[in-house]
Protein backbone atom coordinates (compact mmCIF):
# COMPACT_ATOMS: atom_id res chain seq x y z
CA MET A 1 -0.05 0.02 0.01
CA LEU A 2 1.27 3.43 -0.90
CA PRO A 3 2.14 5.76 2.06
CA LEU A 4 0.30 9.04 2.53
CA LYS A 5 2.41 11.93 1.41
CA SER A 6 2.29 14.84 -1.16
CA GLU A 7 3.01 12.73 -4.24
CA THR A 8 0.47 9.97 -3.40
CA ILE A 9 -2.46 12.10 -2.26
CA SER A 10 -4.00 11.94 -5.74
CA GLU A 11 -4.41 8.21 -5.27
CA VAL A 12 -6.66 8.48 -2.27
CA SER A 13 -10.18 6.98 -2.44
CA ALA A 14 -12.81 9.14 -4.04
CA GLN A 15 -14.97 9.44 -0.98
CA VAL A 16 -12.10 11.03 1.03
CA SER A 17 -11.91 14.88 0.89
CA VAL A 18 -8.42 16.24 0.03
CA PRO A 19 -6.90 19.78 0.15
CA ASN A 20 -8.00 21.80 -2.90
CA TYR A 21 -5.32 24.34 -2.28
CA ASN A 22 -1.71 24.49 -3.12
CA ARG A 23 0.23 23.94 0.03
CA ALA A 24 3.42 25.27 -1.47
CA GLU A 25 1.89 28.68 -1.78
CA LEU A 26 0.96 28.89 1.93
CA LYS A 27 2.67 31.13 4.51
CA THR A 28 3.09 30.01 8.06
CA GLY A 29 1.27 32.42 10.42
CA ILE A 30 0.69 30.00 13.42
CA VAL A 31 3.28 28.12 15.39
CA HIS A 32 1.61 25.45 17.56
CA PHE A 33 3.18 23.76 20.63
CA GLY A 34 1.81 20.25 21.30
CA VAL A 35 0.73 18.56 18.10
CA GLY A 36 -1.47 15.75 19.33
CA GLY A 37 -4.81 14.25 18.30
CA PHE A 38 -6.83 17.10 19.66
CA HIS A 39 -4.99 19.92 17.88
CA ARG A 40 -5.21 17.95 14.62
CA ALA A 41 -8.95 17.30 15.05
CA HIS A 42 -9.66 20.93 16.11
CA MET A 43 -7.46 23.93 15.25
CA ALA A 44 -5.71 22.29 12.33
CA MET A 45 -8.97 21.16 10.99
CA ALA A 46 -10.51 24.60 11.30
CA ILE A 47 -7.57 26.13 9.40
CA ASP A 48 -7.82 23.43 6.71
CA ARG A 49 -11.49 24.24 6.33
CA LEU A 50 -10.61 27.90 5.71
CA LEU A 51 -7.95 27.07 3.25
CA ASN A 52 -10.37 24.91 1.25
CA GLN A 53 -12.56 28.08 0.98
CA GLY A 54 -9.69 30.01 -0.43
CA LEU A 55 -9.14 31.83 2.81
CA ALA A 56 -6.29 32.09 5.44
CA LYS A 57 -3.41 31.46 3.02
CA ASP A 58 -1.09 33.40 5.51
CA TRP A 59 -2.20 31.27 8.39
CA ALA A 60 -0.78 27.75 7.82
CA ILE A 61 0.58 25.98 10.81
CA CYS A 62 4.09 25.04 11.96
CA GLY A 63 3.86 22.31 14.64
CA VAL A 64 6.34 22.06 17.54
CA GLY A 65 7.36 19.20 19.66
CA LEU A 66 9.43 19.64 22.85
CA LEU A 67 9.33 16.34 24.68
CA GLU A 68 11.16 13.07 24.09
CA ASN A 69 7.84 11.36 23.23
CA ASP A 70 7.27 13.91 20.39
CA LYS A 71 9.96 12.15 18.31
CA LYS A 72 7.33 9.87 16.91
CA MET A 73 5.24 12.70 15.74
CA ARG A 74 8.40 14.38 14.27
CA ASP A 75 9.13 11.13 12.27
CA VAL A 76 5.54 10.70 11.01
CA MET A 77 5.31 14.38 10.05
CA LYS A 78 8.52 14.14 8.05
CA GLU A 79 7.50 10.91 6.27
CA GLN A 80 4.08 12.18 5.44
CA ASP A 81 4.91 15.78 4.50
CA CYS A 82 2.82 16.78 7.47
CA LEU A 83 -0.30 15.31 5.93
CA TYR A 84 -2.68 13.14 8.02
CA THR A 85 -6.17 11.73 7.77
CA LEU A 86 -9.09 12.95 10.12
CA VAL A 87 -12.02 10.55 10.42
CA LEU A 88 -15.11 11.72 12.08
CA LYS A 89 -17.17 8.87 13.52
CA HIS A 90 -20.96 9.31 13.43
CA PRO A 91 -23.18 7.28 15.84
CA ASP A 92 -24.87 5.56 12.91
CA GLY A 93 -21.58 4.10 11.75
CA ARG A 94 -21.03 6.56 9.00
CA ARG A 95 -17.38 7.78 8.40
CA GLU A 96 -16.47 11.29 7.30
CA SER A 97 -12.76 11.21 6.13
CA SER A 98 -10.52 14.08 5.16
CA ILE A 99 -6.87 14.52 4.43
CA ILE A 100 -5.75 17.64 6.30
CA GLY A 101 -3.00 19.84 4.92
CA SER A 102 -2.93 22.92 7.08
CA ILE A 103 0.13 21.89 8.96
CA VAL A 104 3.06 22.50 6.59
CA GLU A 105 6.09 22.25 8.83
CA TYR A 106 7.06 20.42 12.08
CA ILE A 107 10.00 21.33 14.40
CA PHE A 108 11.25 19.03 17.08
CA ALA A 109 12.94 21.60 19.19
CA PRO A 110 15.68 19.47 20.79
CA ASP A 111 17.00 18.69 17.21
CA ASN A 112 17.48 22.47 16.53
CA PRO A 113 16.48 24.91 19.11
CA GLN A 114 17.66 27.82 17.01
CA ARG A 115 15.42 26.81 14.14
CA LEU A 116 12.45 27.17 16.44
CA LEU A 117 13.57 30.52 17.71
CA ASP A 118 14.03 31.69 14.15
CA LYS A 119 10.45 30.56 13.35
CA LEU A 120 9.02 32.28 16.42
CA THR A 121 10.85 35.57 15.74
CA ASN A 122 9.84 35.59 12.03
CA GLN A 123 7.60 38.55 11.44
CA ASP A 124 5.07 36.22 9.53
CA THR A 125 4.43 34.43 12.79
CA LYS A 126 1.38 36.11 14.30
CA ILE A 127 -0.16 33.48 16.65
CA VAL A 128 1.60 30.99 18.91
CA SER A 129 -0.95 28.45 20.10
CA LEU A 130 -0.72 25.77 22.83
CA THR A 131 -2.14 22.39 23.66
CA ILE A 132 0.45 21.43 26.36
CA THR A 133 -2.08 19.75 28.68
CA GLU A 134 -3.43 21.12 32.00
CA GLY A 135 -0.15 20.24 33.72
CA GLY A 136 2.01 22.01 31.19
CA TYR A 137 1.26 25.47 32.68
CA ASN A 138 3.37 24.65 35.67
CA PHE A 139 1.27 26.23 38.39
CA ASP A 140 0.65 25.00 41.90
CA SER A 141 -2.81 23.53 42.07
CA GLU A 142 -3.35 24.98 45.65
CA THR A 143 -1.92 28.49 45.21
CA GLY A 144 -2.30 28.99 41.49
CA GLU A 145 1.13 30.44 41.39
CA PHE A 146 3.98 29.53 38.94
CA ASN A 147 6.14 26.74 40.24
CA ALA A 148 9.58 28.34 40.00
CA GLU A 149 11.03 25.37 41.91
CA ASN A 150 10.31 22.92 39.10
CA PRO A 151 13.70 21.33 38.29
CA ILE A 152 13.26 21.77 34.61
CA ILE A 153 12.59 25.46 34.98
CA VAL A 154 15.43 25.86 37.53
CA GLU A 155 17.76 24.18 34.99
CA GLU A 156 16.52 26.19 31.99
CA LEU A 157 17.02 29.48 33.88
CA LYS A 158 20.72 28.87 34.55
CA PRO A 159 23.07 31.13 32.55
CA GLY A 160 23.89 29.64 29.16
CA ALA A 161 21.34 26.81 29.50
CA GLU A 162 19.65 25.52 26.42
CA LEU A 163 15.99 26.38 26.04
CA LYS A 164 13.66 23.43 26.59
CA THR A 165 10.25 24.57 27.58
CA ALA A 166 7.39 26.43 25.89
CA PHE A 167 7.95 29.11 28.55
CA GLY A 168 11.67 29.49 27.58
CA PHE A 169 11.16 29.59 23.85
CA ILE A 170 8.12 31.93 23.77
CA VAL A 171 9.51 34.38 26.36
CA GLU A 172 12.85 34.49 24.59
CA ALA A 173 11.23 34.95 21.11
CA LEU A 174 9.04 37.83 22.46
CA ARG A 175 12.12 39.43 23.86
CA ILE A 176 13.95 39.26 20.64
CA ARG A 177 10.95 40.58 18.74
CA ARG A 178 10.70 43.51 21.01
CA ASP A 179 14.38 44.30 20.66
CA LYS A 180 14.12 44.10 16.96
CA GLY A 181 11.03 46.20 16.71
CA ILE A 182 8.82 43.28 15.56
CA ALA A 183 5.32 43.35 17.09
CA PRO A 184 4.56 40.59 19.54
CA PHE A 185 2.50 37.55 18.46
CA THR A 186 -0.71 36.47 20.23
CA VAL A 187 -0.31 33.50 22.65
CA GLN A 188 -3.53 31.30 22.17
CA SER A 189 -4.09 28.69 24.81
CA CYS A 190 -6.30 25.77 23.47
CA ASP A 191 -6.07 23.65 26.74
CA ASN A 192 -8.95 22.57 28.91
CA ILE A 193 -8.48 24.79 31.87
CA GLN A 194 -10.68 27.60 33.06
CA ALA A 195 -9.65 31.03 31.95
CA ASN A 196 -6.84 29.34 29.84
CA GLY A 197 -5.72 32.67 28.37
CA ASP A 198 -5.53 34.31 31.81
CA VAL A 199 -3.57 31.41 33.21
CA ALA A 200 -1.17 31.44 30.20
CA ARG A 201 -0.73 35.18 30.78
CA LYS A 202 0.02 34.67 34.43
CA MET A 203 2.38 31.75 33.95
CA PHE A 204 4.37 33.25 30.99
CA THR A 205 4.81 36.54 32.64
CA ALA A 206 5.80 34.84 35.87
CA TYR A 207 8.50 33.01 34.04
CA ALA A 208 9.61 36.22 32.33
CA GLN A 209 9.70 37.90 35.79
CA LEU A 210 12.41 35.31 36.74
CA VAL A 211 14.43 36.43 33.68
CA ASP A 212 13.79 40.16 33.48
CA ALA A 213 11.20 42.00 35.65
CA GLU A 214 11.05 44.88 33.21
CA PHE A 215 10.40 42.71 30.19
CA SER A 216 7.71 40.84 32.13
CA ASN A 217 5.87 44.07 32.63
CA TRP A 218 6.29 44.86 28.85
CA MET A 219 4.76 41.39 28.09
CA SER A 220 1.76 42.06 30.44
CA ALA A 221 1.08 45.36 28.63
CA ASN A 222 1.71 44.32 24.99
CA VAL A 223 1.01 40.54 24.48
CA SER A 224 -2.60 39.24 23.95
CA PHE A 225 -3.57 35.96 25.66
CA PRO A 226 -7.15 35.45 24.58
CA ASN A 227 -9.37 32.96 26.56
CA SER A 228 -10.92 30.14 24.64
CA MET A 229 -13.15 27.11 25.18
CA VAL A 230 -12.43 24.09 23.01
CA ASP A 231 -14.61 21.04 22.63
CA ARG A 232 -14.33 17.80 20.52
CA ILE A 233 -14.00 14.34 22.01
CA THR A 234 -10.87 12.94 20.42
CA PRO A 235 -9.84 9.42 21.63
CA VAL A 236 -6.40 7.99 21.32
CA THR A 237 -5.68 6.46 17.80
CA THR A 238 -5.63 2.69 17.98
CA LYS A 239 -4.16 0.01 15.70
CA GLU A 240 -7.75 -0.71 14.53
CA ASP A 241 -8.18 2.95 13.61
CA ILE A 242 -4.94 2.86 11.50
CA ALA A 243 -6.19 -0.24 9.65
CA GLU A 244 -9.66 1.19 9.11
CA VAL A 245 -8.17 4.47 7.72
CA ALA A 246 -6.00 2.49 5.37
CA ALA A 247 -9.09 0.67 4.07
CA LEU A 248 -11.13 3.90 3.84
CA THR A 249 -8.37 5.98 2.08
CA GLY A 250 -6.36 3.40 0.14
CA LEU A 251 -3.19 4.90 1.62
CA GLU A 252 -1.02 4.05 4.64
CA ASP A 253 -1.34 6.79 7.35
CA LYS A 254 0.93 6.01 10.31
CA TRP A 255 -0.86 8.39 12.74
CA PRO A 256 -4.42 9.33 11.71
CA VAL A 257 -6.87 11.06 14.02
CA VAL A 258 -10.36 10.03 14.87
CA ALA A 259 -13.04 12.15 16.48
CA GLU A 260 -16.60 12.76 17.08
CA PRO A 261 -18.57 14.93 14.68
CA PHE A 262 -19.29 17.56 17.34
CA PHE A 263 -17.07 20.64 17.15
CA GLN A 264 -17.09 23.81 19.25
CA TRP A 265 -14.44 26.57 19.68
CA VAL A 266 -15.31 29.91 21.44
CA ILE A 267 -12.57 32.58 21.57
CA ASP A 268 -12.26 35.98 23.04
CA ASP A 269 -11.66 38.21 19.96
CA GLU A 270 -8.34 39.75 21.16
CA PHE A 271 -5.46 39.27 18.78
CA THR A 272 -2.40 41.36 18.59
CA LEU A 273 -1.50 40.96 14.90
CA GLY A 274 -4.85 39.83 13.45
CA ARG A 275 -6.21 36.34 13.00
CA PRO A 276 -7.68 34.02 10.41
CA PRO A 277 -11.42 34.52 9.61
CA LEU A 278 -12.25 31.75 12.06
CA GLU A 279 -15.98 32.57 12.03
CA GLN A 280 -16.07 31.12 8.55
CA ALA A 281 -15.08 27.82 10.00
CA ASP A 282 -17.82 27.67 12.62
CA VAL A 283 -15.81 29.24 15.42
CA GLN A 284 -17.61 31.60 17.83
CA MET A 285 -15.74 34.84 18.31
CA VAL A 286 -17.07 36.57 21.44
CA GLU A 287 -16.41 39.40 23.88
CA ASP A 288 -16.31 37.05 26.87
CA VAL A 289 -15.75 33.39 26.69
CA MET A 290 -16.02 32.70 30.40
CA PRO A 291 -19.78 31.65 30.38
CA TYR A 292 -19.09 29.13 27.60
CA GLU A 293 -15.95 27.71 29.22
CA LEU A 294 -17.63 27.24 32.58
CA MET A 295 -20.38 25.40 30.91
CA LYS A 296 -18.10 23.08 29.21
CA LEU A 297 -15.61 22.48 32.11
CA ARG A 298 -18.27 21.95 34.71
CA LEU A 299 -20.72 19.98 32.51
CA LEU A 300 -18.79 18.10 29.90
CA ASN A 301 -15.35 17.65 31.56
CA ALA A 302 -16.59 17.21 35.18
CA SER A 303 -19.21 14.70 33.79
CA HIS A 304 -16.51 12.68 32.16
CA GLN A 305 -14.98 12.36 35.59
CA GLY A 306 -18.40 11.28 36.88
CA LEU A 307 -18.67 8.41 34.37
CA THR A 308 -15.10 7.22 34.16
CA TYR A 309 -14.22 5.97 37.67
CA PHE A 310 -17.66 4.53 38.46
CA GLY A 311 -17.66 2.99 34.96
CA TYR A 312 -14.20 1.50 35.21
CA LEU A 313 -14.78 0.05 38.69
CA GLY A 314 -18.14 -1.23 37.45
CA GLY A 315 -16.40 -3.26 34.74
CA TYR A 316 -16.92 -0.99 31.74
CA ARG A 317 -13.87 -0.03 29.53
CA TYR A 318 -15.44 2.50 27.19
CA ALA A 319 -17.33 5.73 27.68
CA HIS A 320 -20.30 4.61 25.59
CA GLU A 321 -20.64 1.41 27.69
CA ALA A 322 -20.53 3.35 30.96
CA THR A 323 -22.99 5.93 29.66
CA GLY A 324 -25.24 3.11 28.45
CA ASP A 325 -25.83 2.06 31.98
CA PRO A 326 -29.07 3.93 32.90
CA ASP A 327 -27.98 4.60 36.48
CA ILE A 328 -24.70 6.21 35.34
CA SER A 329 -26.44 8.43 32.77
CA THR A 330 -29.08 9.43 35.26
CA LEU A 331 -26.40 10.26 37.78
CA LEU A 332 -24.63 12.50 35.19
CA LEU A 333 -27.82 14.30 34.24
CA ARG A 334 -28.68 14.87 37.81
CA TYR A 335 -25.15 16.17 38.61
CA MET A 336 -25.38 18.63 35.67
CA LYS A 337 -28.86 19.88 36.42
CA GLU A 338 -28.82 19.87 40.25
CA GLU A 339 -25.16 20.67 41.19
CA ALA A 340 -23.20 22.05 38.20
CA THR A 341 -25.77 24.24 36.37
CA PRO A 342 -26.52 26.47 39.49
CA THR A 343 -22.77 27.41 39.49
CA LEU A 344 -22.76 28.62 35.93
CA LEU A 345 -23.04 32.21 34.49
CA PRO A 346 -25.77 32.92 31.91
CA VAL A 347 -24.58 31.35 28.58
CA PRO A 348 -25.78 33.57 25.64
CA GLY A 349 -27.58 31.61 22.89
CA VAL A 350 -27.36 28.22 24.69
CA ASP A 351 -30.19 25.99 25.82
CA LEU A 352 -28.56 24.30 28.87
CA ASN A 353 -31.12 21.47 29.02
CA LEU A 354 -30.51 20.66 25.42
CA TYR A 355 -26.67 20.98 25.92
CA GLN A 356 -26.88 18.45 28.78
CA ASN A 357 -28.89 15.96 26.82
CA THR A 358 -26.58 16.35 23.85
CA LEU A 359 -23.64 15.57 26.11
CA ILE A 360 -25.21 12.23 27.05
CA GLU A 361 -25.71 11.48 23.33
CA ARG A 362 -22.06 12.41 22.60
CA PHE A 363 -20.76 10.18 25.47
CA SER A 364 -22.95 7.42 24.15
CA ASN A 365 -21.53 7.40 20.60
CA PRO A 366 -20.43 3.73 20.21
CA GLU A 367 -18.27 4.46 17.17
CA VAL A 368 -15.89 6.86 18.91
CA LYS A 369 -14.75 4.11 21.44
CA ASP A 370 -13.33 6.69 23.88
CA THR A 371 -11.60 4.55 26.56
CA LEU A 372 -12.17 4.97 30.22
CA THR A 373 -8.47 4.61 30.70
CA ARG A 374 -7.91 7.76 28.84
CA LEU A 375 -10.47 9.63 30.85
CA CYS A 376 -9.21 8.20 34.09
CA ALA A 377 -5.62 9.54 33.35
CA ASP A 378 -4.03 12.68 34.88
CA SER A 379 -6.89 13.02 37.47
CA SER A 380 -4.85 15.38 39.64
CA ASP A 381 -4.73 17.85 36.82
CA ARG A 382 -8.55 17.45 36.07
CA ILE A 383 -10.61 17.02 39.24
CA PRO A 384 -9.11 20.21 40.97
CA LYS A 385 -9.80 22.32 37.89
CA TRP A 386 -13.17 20.88 36.79
CA LEU A 387 -15.08 19.42 39.70
CA VAL A 388 -13.66 21.05 42.86
CA PRO A 389 -14.70 24.55 41.72
CA VAL A 390 -18.24 23.25 41.40
CA ILE A 391 -18.14 21.88 44.96
CA LYS A 392 -16.76 25.07 46.46
CA ARG A 393 -19.22 27.26 44.71
CA ARG A 394 -22.18 25.00 45.75
CA LEU A 395 -20.99 25.12 49.40
CA GLU A 396 -20.79 28.96 49.10
CA GLN A 397 -24.39 28.86 47.75
CA GLY A 398 -25.54 26.60 50.57
CA GLY A 399 -26.40 23.82 48.03
CA ASP A 400 -26.15 20.11 48.06
CA VAL A 401 -22.89 18.35 46.89
CA THR A 402 -23.86 14.68 47.33
CA LEU A 403 -23.09 13.68 43.75
CA SER A 404 -20.05 15.77 43.43
CA ALA A 405 -18.63 14.30 46.60
CA ALA A 406 -19.49 10.81 45.32
CA ILE A 407 -17.48 11.43 42.15
CA VAL A 408 -14.51 12.47 44.18
CA ALA A 409 -14.95 9.27 46.29
CA SER A 410 -14.97 7.23 43.06
CA TRP A 411 -11.59 8.66 42.10
CA ALA A 412 -10.20 7.97 45.59
CA ARG A 413 -11.39 4.33 45.29
CA TYR A 414 -9.96 4.07 41.78
CA ALA A 415 -6.64 5.48 43.00
CA GLU A 416 -6.17 2.46 45.32
CA GLY A 417 -4.85 0.74 42.23
CA THR A 418 -6.94 -2.39 42.29
CA ASP A 419 -10.43 -3.03 40.77
CA GLU A 420 -13.30 -4.82 42.42
CA GLN A 421 -11.98 -8.13 41.35
CA GLY A 422 -8.57 -7.39 42.81
CA SER A 423 -6.83 -6.92 39.39
CA PRO A 424 -4.30 -4.11 39.31
CA ILE A 425 -5.15 -0.74 37.71
CA ASN A 426 -2.45 1.15 36.00
CA ILE A 427 -2.68 4.63 37.48
CA VAL A 428 -1.57 7.25 35.05
CA ASP A 429 -0.95 10.49 36.96
CA GLN A 430 2.04 12.76 37.65
CA LEU A 431 1.16 12.57 41.38
CA LYS A 432 0.56 8.80 41.53
CA ASP A 433 3.43 8.17 43.88
CA GLU A 434 1.85 10.55 46.35
CA LEU A 435 -1.77 9.68 45.80
CA ILE A 436 -1.73 5.83 45.62
CA PRO A 437 -0.43 5.44 49.16
CA LEU A 438 -3.03 7.98 50.47
CA ALA A 439 -5.75 6.03 48.68
CA GLN A 440 -4.58 2.67 49.98
CA SER A 441 -4.59 3.98 53.55
CA GLN A 442 -8.20 5.10 53.45
CA LYS A 443 -9.78 1.92 54.73
CA THR A 444 -8.29 2.76 58.09
CA ASN A 445 -8.11 6.49 57.54
CA PRO A 446 -11.03 7.32 55.18
CA LEU A 447 -10.25 11.03 55.03
CA ALA A 448 -6.62 10.46 53.87
CA PHE A 449 -7.11 11.07 50.16
CA ILE A 450 -8.95 14.41 50.49
CA GLY A 451 -6.48 15.53 53.07
CA ASN A 452 -4.24 16.70 50.23
CA ARG A 453 -4.89 20.41 50.36
CA LYS A 454 -3.03 21.19 47.22
CA LEU A 455 -5.80 19.32 45.40
CA PHE A 456 -8.81 19.81 47.58
CA GLY A 457 -8.08 22.95 49.53
CA ASN A 458 -10.11 23.04 52.68
CA LEU A 459 -12.81 20.69 51.77
CA ILE A 460 -11.72 18.18 54.33
CA ASP A 461 -12.78 20.74 57.03
CA ASP A 462 -16.38 21.03 55.76
CA GLN A 463 -18.73 18.33 56.95
CA ARG A 464 -21.21 19.24 54.15
CA PHE A 465 -18.68 17.74 51.85
CA THR A 466 -17.05 15.03 53.97
CA LYS A 467 -20.36 13.44 55.09
CA PRO A 468 -21.55 12.48 51.58
CA TYR A 469 -17.90 11.78 50.55
CA LEU A 470 -17.36 9.25 53.33
CA LYS A 471 -20.77 7.64 52.75
CA ALA A 472 -20.02 7.06 49.09
CA LEU A 473 -16.45 5.86 49.76
CA ASP A 474 -17.82 3.38 52.32
CA SER A 475 -20.50 2.24 49.97
CA LEU A 476 -17.86 1.70 47.11
CA HIS A 477 -15.84 -0.47 49.42
CA LYS A 478 -18.79 -2.46 50.69
CA ILE A 479 -21.14 -2.98 47.79
CA GLY A 480 -19.21 -1.80 44.69
CA ALA A 481 -19.56 0.85 42.10
CA LYS A 482 -22.76 -0.23 40.31
CA ALA A 483 -24.76 -0.62 43.49
CA THR A 484 -23.40 2.71 44.82
CA VAL A 485 -24.52 4.50 41.73
CA ALA A 486 -27.93 2.89 41.87
CA ALA A 487 -28.28 3.97 45.52
CA LEU A 488 -27.24 7.51 44.70
CA VAL A 489 -29.71 7.76 41.85
CA ALA A 490 -32.56 6.29 44.06
CA LYS A 491 -31.84 8.77 46.72
CA SER A 492 -31.66 11.68 44.36
């Protein structure tokens, strides 16, 4: 089978969409850190859509990898001329396949740091975007402040040290641009954290403060960090996906992307050097993204946490299987309606009841095959940002947090590292060495897990939270996940 690349794209199957634009004529206007499945199913797809309309020819993308595990992406991008296949999986089994051509260059920074700096300081670069995960912003989950003691940061800040982080490259590029009289690019976060642009501004200027306080002040005054809300379920690409893509396209793609059909991107319209006409690609450009992102983080993302631990402990392995359990889907809907929605701001133009029901439909899509293992990963980066704010706000309102507390308890039970049959669970979390011992001690000290104030703040001191938490945790130990969920739903 022919490999996917520029000279073979004409051989692709007729039902697959291909770029109708000349990639050689494009100019790179966006440099993106963290080229994974989500970026390629979201921002890169949106730019490709514009390019196919004859728009945004100055806004092609240069991808950037910083980490050792980005070598695979480097190699695939090189072999495939940065082309890849995006397959949207509809619930009825229909496939919508496209070859995406909006990424035209990929830089693996450790290979040539100067090449990346040159790209960032080129006056054609007008937006630098990020999907570096929630943990990539290097802030303390308890204080919200930049972690200047991170060994990677400490090492990078030594005189003469080689740049290694997004902080280092972006701050240094902005400094060079200022000194050369080149206007600063916009820094566009596309990560799933509340007020992602505000967080990015705080963290990057804090890093700059460690380098040059005067320059940090200049950044604060001159660099735009627009907030955004991003939404598209994009599961990890499997071997089966790769085989299916080959059958669909007739070409070998070593790293295609699969995603659900749903797409949403809402952005504060604040760009230093202009932007692509994103509204022509179904992107919502707004004055204030906050209501939309709170809706997404507290309904979609937190609900994912509500189904994943209960689902995994109950024997399910895919999101659609867990959501297909009527007790779990009822728990999710009640969590959204009774506990999360009262903490939201008014969301212009959105029917929240319809949005909630749509989420259940999306979670139930059997074609996406989103694994619970993926949703269970990196919980210490997710629960504190998505669910804990709901709990704290509900307590401020004097509201009930029974279901939210039960979700936290399901994480604590999962973090023990064994399922209900005694089989080991592979915990994927940067804090696993700290959290697993706490979870394993909770049969004798049931408040041990939530005693971690970096993650939970002072929730351990509030009986309105600890009472339902302890009840749910005890139930999980005594009667298991499925019966616990059934009891919660019946009580609600």
